[in-house]
Amino acid sequence: MNYIKNITAEKALVLEDQVNYSEGQIVSRTLAQNKAVSLTLFAFWQGEEISTHESTGDALITILDGEAEITIDGKIHTLKKGESILMPADIPHAVKAITNQKMMLTVVFPAEI
């Protein structure tokens, strides 16, 4: 059983090639989603954004292509290809594409008690 889906196992691949741009849209490809973790690839068309929200888990963004504006608790961070940033749980955050951009989002959720 594979816990990570929607990509080929046992084959080297380039993550940014696993999701494609679509004009005026945000395209996503879920690789894993369960109570513990979520792995999602995104392709944002320039200017597209995910508005301010919060997550119950820590979220790590890694920019795979382009440039993005990440707002965490009101502070703006500009990230380029190869850079990552941690968005802590329960802190408001948002994502906006400055250029067409692709990213990997990894969210780790708290263990159930």
Protein backbone atom coordinates (compact mmCIF):
# COMPACT_ATOMS: atom_id res chain seq x y z
CA MET A 1 0.00 0.00 0.00
CA ASN A 2 1.32 3.44 -0.93
CA TYR A 3 0.52 6.23 1.50
CA ILE A 4 1.73 8.83 -0.99
CA LYS A 5 -0.40 8.82 -4.15
CA ASN A 6 -0.69 10.60 -7.50
CA ILE A 7 3.02 10.25 -8.34
CA THR A 8 5.02 7.32 -9.66
CA ALA A 9 6.82 5.25 -7.03
CA GLU A 10 10.42 4.12 -7.38
CA LYS A 11 11.18 6.64 -10.13
CA ALA A 12 13.24 9.83 -9.89
CA LEU A 13 11.09 12.84 -10.69
CA VAL A 14 11.08 16.61 -10.56
CA LEU A 15 8.33 17.79 -8.21
CA GLU A 16 7.65 21.02 -10.09
CA ASP A 17 6.85 18.95 -13.21
CA GLN A 18 4.08 17.08 -11.36
CA VAL A 19 1.63 20.01 -11.44
CA ASN A 20 0.87 22.37 -14.35
CA TYR A 21 -0.05 26.03 -14.63
CA SER A 22 -3.54 26.98 -15.80
CA GLU A 23 -4.25 30.59 -16.69
CA GLY A 24 -6.10 32.47 -13.94
CA GLN A 25 -6.24 29.45 -11.61
CA ILE A 26 -4.65 27.66 -8.71
CA VAL A 27 -4.07 24.00 -9.55
CA SER A 28 -3.39 21.48 -6.78
CA ARG A 29 -2.32 17.86 -6.64
CA THR A 30 -2.75 16.05 -3.33
CA LEU A 31 -0.01 13.52 -2.64
CA ALA A 32 -1.07 12.51 0.89
CA GLN A 33 -3.79 13.52 3.32
CA ASN A 34 -4.59 11.96 6.64
CA LYS A 35 -4.92 12.89 10.33
CA ALA A 36 -1.14 13.30 10.69
CA VAL A 37 0.10 14.93 7.50
CA SER A 38 -0.91 16.59 4.26
CA LEU A 39 1.35 16.88 1.18
CA THR A 40 0.10 19.00 -1.71
CA LEU A 41 1.69 20.44 -4.84
CA PHE A 42 0.33 23.75 -6.10
CA ALA A 43 0.69 25.78 -9.31
CA PHE A 44 -0.48 29.39 -8.96
CA TRP A 45 -1.05 31.65 -11.93
CA GLN A 46 0.50 35.09 -11.37
CA GLY A 47 -1.68 37.19 -9.04
CA GLU A 48 -3.73 34.26 -7.74
CA GLU A 49 -3.88 33.84 -3.98
CA ILE A 50 -5.18 31.87 -1.03
CA SER A 51 -6.66 34.39 1.38
CA THR A 52 -5.79 34.65 5.06
CA HIS A 53 -6.68 31.55 7.07
CA GLU A 54 -5.32 29.37 9.90
CA SER A 55 -4.40 25.71 10.16
CA THR A 56 -4.33 23.41 13.17
CA GLY A 57 -0.99 22.04 11.93
CA ASP A 58 2.44 23.50 11.19
CA ALA A 59 2.68 24.23 7.46
CA LEU A 60 5.96 24.25 5.52
CA ILE A 61 6.01 25.87 2.08
CA THR A 62 8.82 25.15 -0.37
CA ILE A 63 8.86 27.20 -3.57
CA LEU A 64 9.59 24.96 -6.56
CA ASP A 65 9.30 27.61 -9.28
CA GLY A 66 8.72 31.36 -9.47
CA GLU A 67 8.18 33.81 -6.64
CA ALA A 68 5.52 34.09 -3.94
CA GLU A 69 4.45 36.47 -1.22
CA ILE A 70 3.75 34.63 2.03
CA THR A 71 2.02 36.60 4.79
CA ILE A 72 2.33 35.19 8.31
CA ASP A 73 0.62 37.01 11.17
CA GLY A 74 0.56 40.22 9.09
CA LYS A 75 4.27 40.10 8.13
CA ILE A 76 5.06 39.70 4.41
CA HIS A 77 7.86 37.38 3.25
CA THR A 78 8.97 37.11 -0.38
CA LEU A 79 10.20 33.64 -1.35
CA LYS A 80 11.89 32.48 -4.54
CA LYS A 81 12.60 29.07 -6.06
CA GLY A 82 14.43 26.84 -3.59
CA GLU A 83 13.36 28.76 -0.49
CA SER A 84 11.07 27.50 2.29
CA ILE A 85 9.19 29.03 5.20
CA LEU A 86 7.36 27.57 8.19
CA MET A 87 3.88 28.86 8.99
CA PRO A 88 3.17 27.88 12.61
CA ALA A 89 -0.14 26.29 13.60
CA ASP A 90 -2.98 28.58 14.62
CA ILE A 91 -1.28 31.70 13.15
CA PRO A 92 -3.07 33.53 10.30
CA HIS A 93 -1.31 33.17 6.94
CA ALA A 94 -1.89 33.72 3.22
CA VAL A 95 -0.15 32.94 -0.09
CA LYS A 96 -0.04 35.10 -3.25
CA ALA A 97 1.81 34.42 -6.51
CA ILE A 98 4.03 37.33 -7.55
CA THR A 99 4.91 35.42 -10.73
CA ASN A 100 3.57 32.10 -11.88
CA GLN A 101 4.77 29.90 -9.03
CA LYS A 102 4.73 26.29 -7.92
CA MET A 103 5.10 25.11 -4.35
CA MET A 104 5.01 22.05 -2.15
CA LEU A 105 2.92 22.42 0.98
CA THR A 106 3.59 20.04 3.86
CA VAL A 107 1.29 20.27 6.88
CA VAL A 108 2.01 18.26 10.02
CA PHE A 109 -0.97 18.02 12.38
CA PRO A 110 -0.89 17.55 16.15
CA ALA A 111 -1.12 14.00 17.45
CA GLU A 112 -4.53 13.00 18.75
CA ILE A 113 -4.63 12.54 22.48
